[in-house]
């Protein structure tokens, strides 16, 4: 059995996750839900992606919010 069958994020890129969250919440609401600097100070998709790719704990919080919404 493939171990990725139960992984709901399998095949979903971080960019797709973040784009969906931005469309749903906007940066202002994201900053309230996940108060990290890439959402609170001059937020952009590219700077947020760069930060989240390097910071595992922040990426985990973004992925959890995506799964919850």
C-alpha atoms as a PDB file:
ATOM      1  CA  UNK A   1       0.000   0.000   0.000  1.00  0.00           C
ATOM      2  CA  UNK A   2       1.245   3.462  -0.864  1.00  0.00           C
ATOM      3  CA  UNK A   3       2.052   5.437   2.284  1.00  0.00           C
ATOM      4  CA  UNK A   4       0.919   8.701   0.621  1.00  0.00           C
ATOM      5  CA  UNK A   5      -2.695   7.557   0.219  1.00  0.00           C
ATOM      6  CA  UNK A   6      -3.631   8.962   3.607  1.00  0.00           C
ATOM      7  CA  UNK A   7      -1.635  12.172   3.179  1.00  0.00           C
ATOM      8  CA  UNK A   8      -4.201  14.819   2.212  1.00  0.00           C
ATOM      9  CA  UNK A   9      -1.431  17.185   1.121  1.00  0.00           C
ATOM     10  CA  UNK A  10       0.152  14.709  -1.297  1.00  0.00           C
ATOM     11  CA  UNK A  11       0.520  16.362  -4.680  1.00  0.00           C
ATOM     12  CA  UNK A  12      -0.487  19.824  -3.422  1.00  0.00           C
ATOM     13  CA  UNK A  13       2.288  22.408  -3.691  1.00  0.00           C
ATOM     14  CA  UNK A  14       3.030  24.961  -1.016  1.00  0.00           C
ATOM     15  CA  UNK A  15       2.285  27.668  -3.575  1.00  0.00           C
ATOM     16  CA  UNK A  16      -1.179  26.211  -4.232  1.00  0.00           C
ATOM     17  CA  UNK A  17      -1.863  25.979  -0.491  1.00  0.00           C
ATOM     18  CA  UNK A  18      -0.783  29.547   0.167  1.00  0.00           C
ATOM     19  CA  UNK A  19      -2.627  30.920  -2.873  1.00  0.00           C
ATOM     20  CA  UNK A  20      -5.864  29.274  -1.700  1.00  0.00           C
ATOM     21  CA  UNK A  21      -5.427  30.636   1.833  1.00  0.00           C
ATOM     22  CA  UNK A  22      -4.749  34.148   0.523  1.00  0.00           C
ATOM     23  CA  UNK A  23      -7.864  33.969  -1.666  1.00  0.00           C
ATOM     24  CA  UNK A  24      -9.925  32.700   1.257  1.00  0.00           C
ATOM     25  CA  UNK A  25      -8.626  34.864   4.108  1.00  0.00           C
ATOM     26  CA  UNK A  26      -6.391  37.592   2.698  1.00  0.00           C
ATOM     27  CA  UNK A  27      -3.078  38.517   4.303  1.00  0.00           C
ATOM     28  CA  UNK A  28      -4.672  40.558   7.081  1.00  0.00           C
ATOM     29  CA  UNK A  29      -6.747  37.639   8.377  1.00  0.00           C
ATOM     30  CA  UNK A  30      -3.869  35.185   7.837  1.00  0.00           C
ATOM     31  CA  UNK A  31      -1.706  37.408  10.033  1.00  0.00           C
ATOM     32  CA  UNK A  32      -4.328  37.139  12.789  1.00  0.00           C
ATOM     33  CA  UNK A  33      -4.634  33.359  12.435  1.00  0.00           C
ATOM     34  CA  UNK A  34      -0.891  32.732  12.050  1.00  0.00           C
ATOM     35  CA  UNK A  35       1.038  35.734  13.376  1.00  0.00           C
ATOM     36  CA  UNK A  36       4.299  35.404  11.465  1.00  0.00           C
ATOM     37  CA  UNK A  37       6.264  38.263   9.974  1.00  0.00           C
ATOM     38  CA  UNK A  38       5.824  37.187   6.348  1.00  0.00           C
ATOM     39  CA  UNK A  39       2.069  37.792   6.783  1.00  0.00           C
ATOM     40  CA  UNK A  40       2.250  40.910   8.972  1.00  0.00           C
ATOM     41  CA  UNK A  41       4.988  43.070   7.416  1.00  0.00           C
ATOM     42  CA  UNK A  42       4.822  43.849   3.687  1.00  0.00           C
ATOM     43  CA  UNK A  43       3.287  40.472   2.792  1.00  0.00           C
ATOM     44  CA  UNK A  44       3.590  38.981  -0.670  1.00  0.00           C
ATOM     45  CA  UNK A  45       3.201  35.522  -2.118  1.00  0.00           C
ATOM     46  CA  UNK A  46       6.865  35.240  -3.100  1.00  0.00           C
ATOM     47  CA  UNK A  47       8.304  36.405   0.245  1.00  0.00           C
ATOM     48  CA  UNK A  48       5.903  34.164   2.156  1.00  0.00           C
ATOM     49  CA  UNK A  49       6.846  31.146   0.029  1.00  0.00           C
ATOM     50  CA  UNK A  50      10.545  31.829   0.570  1.00  0.00           C
ATOM     51  CA  UNK A  51      10.068  32.013   4.349  1.00  0.00           C
ATOM     52  CA  UNK A  52       7.766  28.991   4.586  1.00  0.00           C
ATOM     53  CA  UNK A  53      10.090  26.795   2.526  1.00  0.00           C
ATOM     54  CA  UNK A  54      12.893  27.479   5.024  1.00  0.00           C
ATOM     55  CA  UNK A  55      10.847  27.364   8.229  1.00  0.00           C
ATOM     56  CA  UNK A  56       9.293  23.979   9.008  1.00  0.00           C
ATOM     57  CA  UNK A  57       7.220  25.049  12.040  1.00  0.00           C
ATOM     58  CA  UNK A  58       5.594  27.911  10.125  1.00  0.00           C
ATOM     59  CA  UNK A  59       4.896  25.701   7.115  1.00  0.00           C
ATOM     60  CA  UNK A  60       3.269  23.134   9.409  1.00  0.00           C
ATOM     61  CA  UNK A  61       0.915  25.804  10.771  1.00  0.00           C
ATOM     62  CA  UNK A  62      -0.004  26.962   7.262  1.00  0.00           C
ATOM     63  CA  UNK A  63      -0.632  23.378   6.143  1.00  0.00           C
ATOM     64  CA  UNK A  64      -2.772  22.721   9.226  1.00  0.00           C
ATOM     65  CA  UNK A  65      -4.899  25.794   8.511  1.00  0.00           C
ATOM     66  CA  UNK A  66      -5.287  24.667   4.892  1.00  0.00           C
ATOM     67  CA  UNK A  67      -6.469  21.215   5.986  1.00  0.00           C
ATOM     68  CA  UNK A  68      -8.863  22.767   8.504  1.00  0.00           C
ATOM     69  CA  UNK A  69     -10.435  25.142   5.991  1.00  0.00           C
END
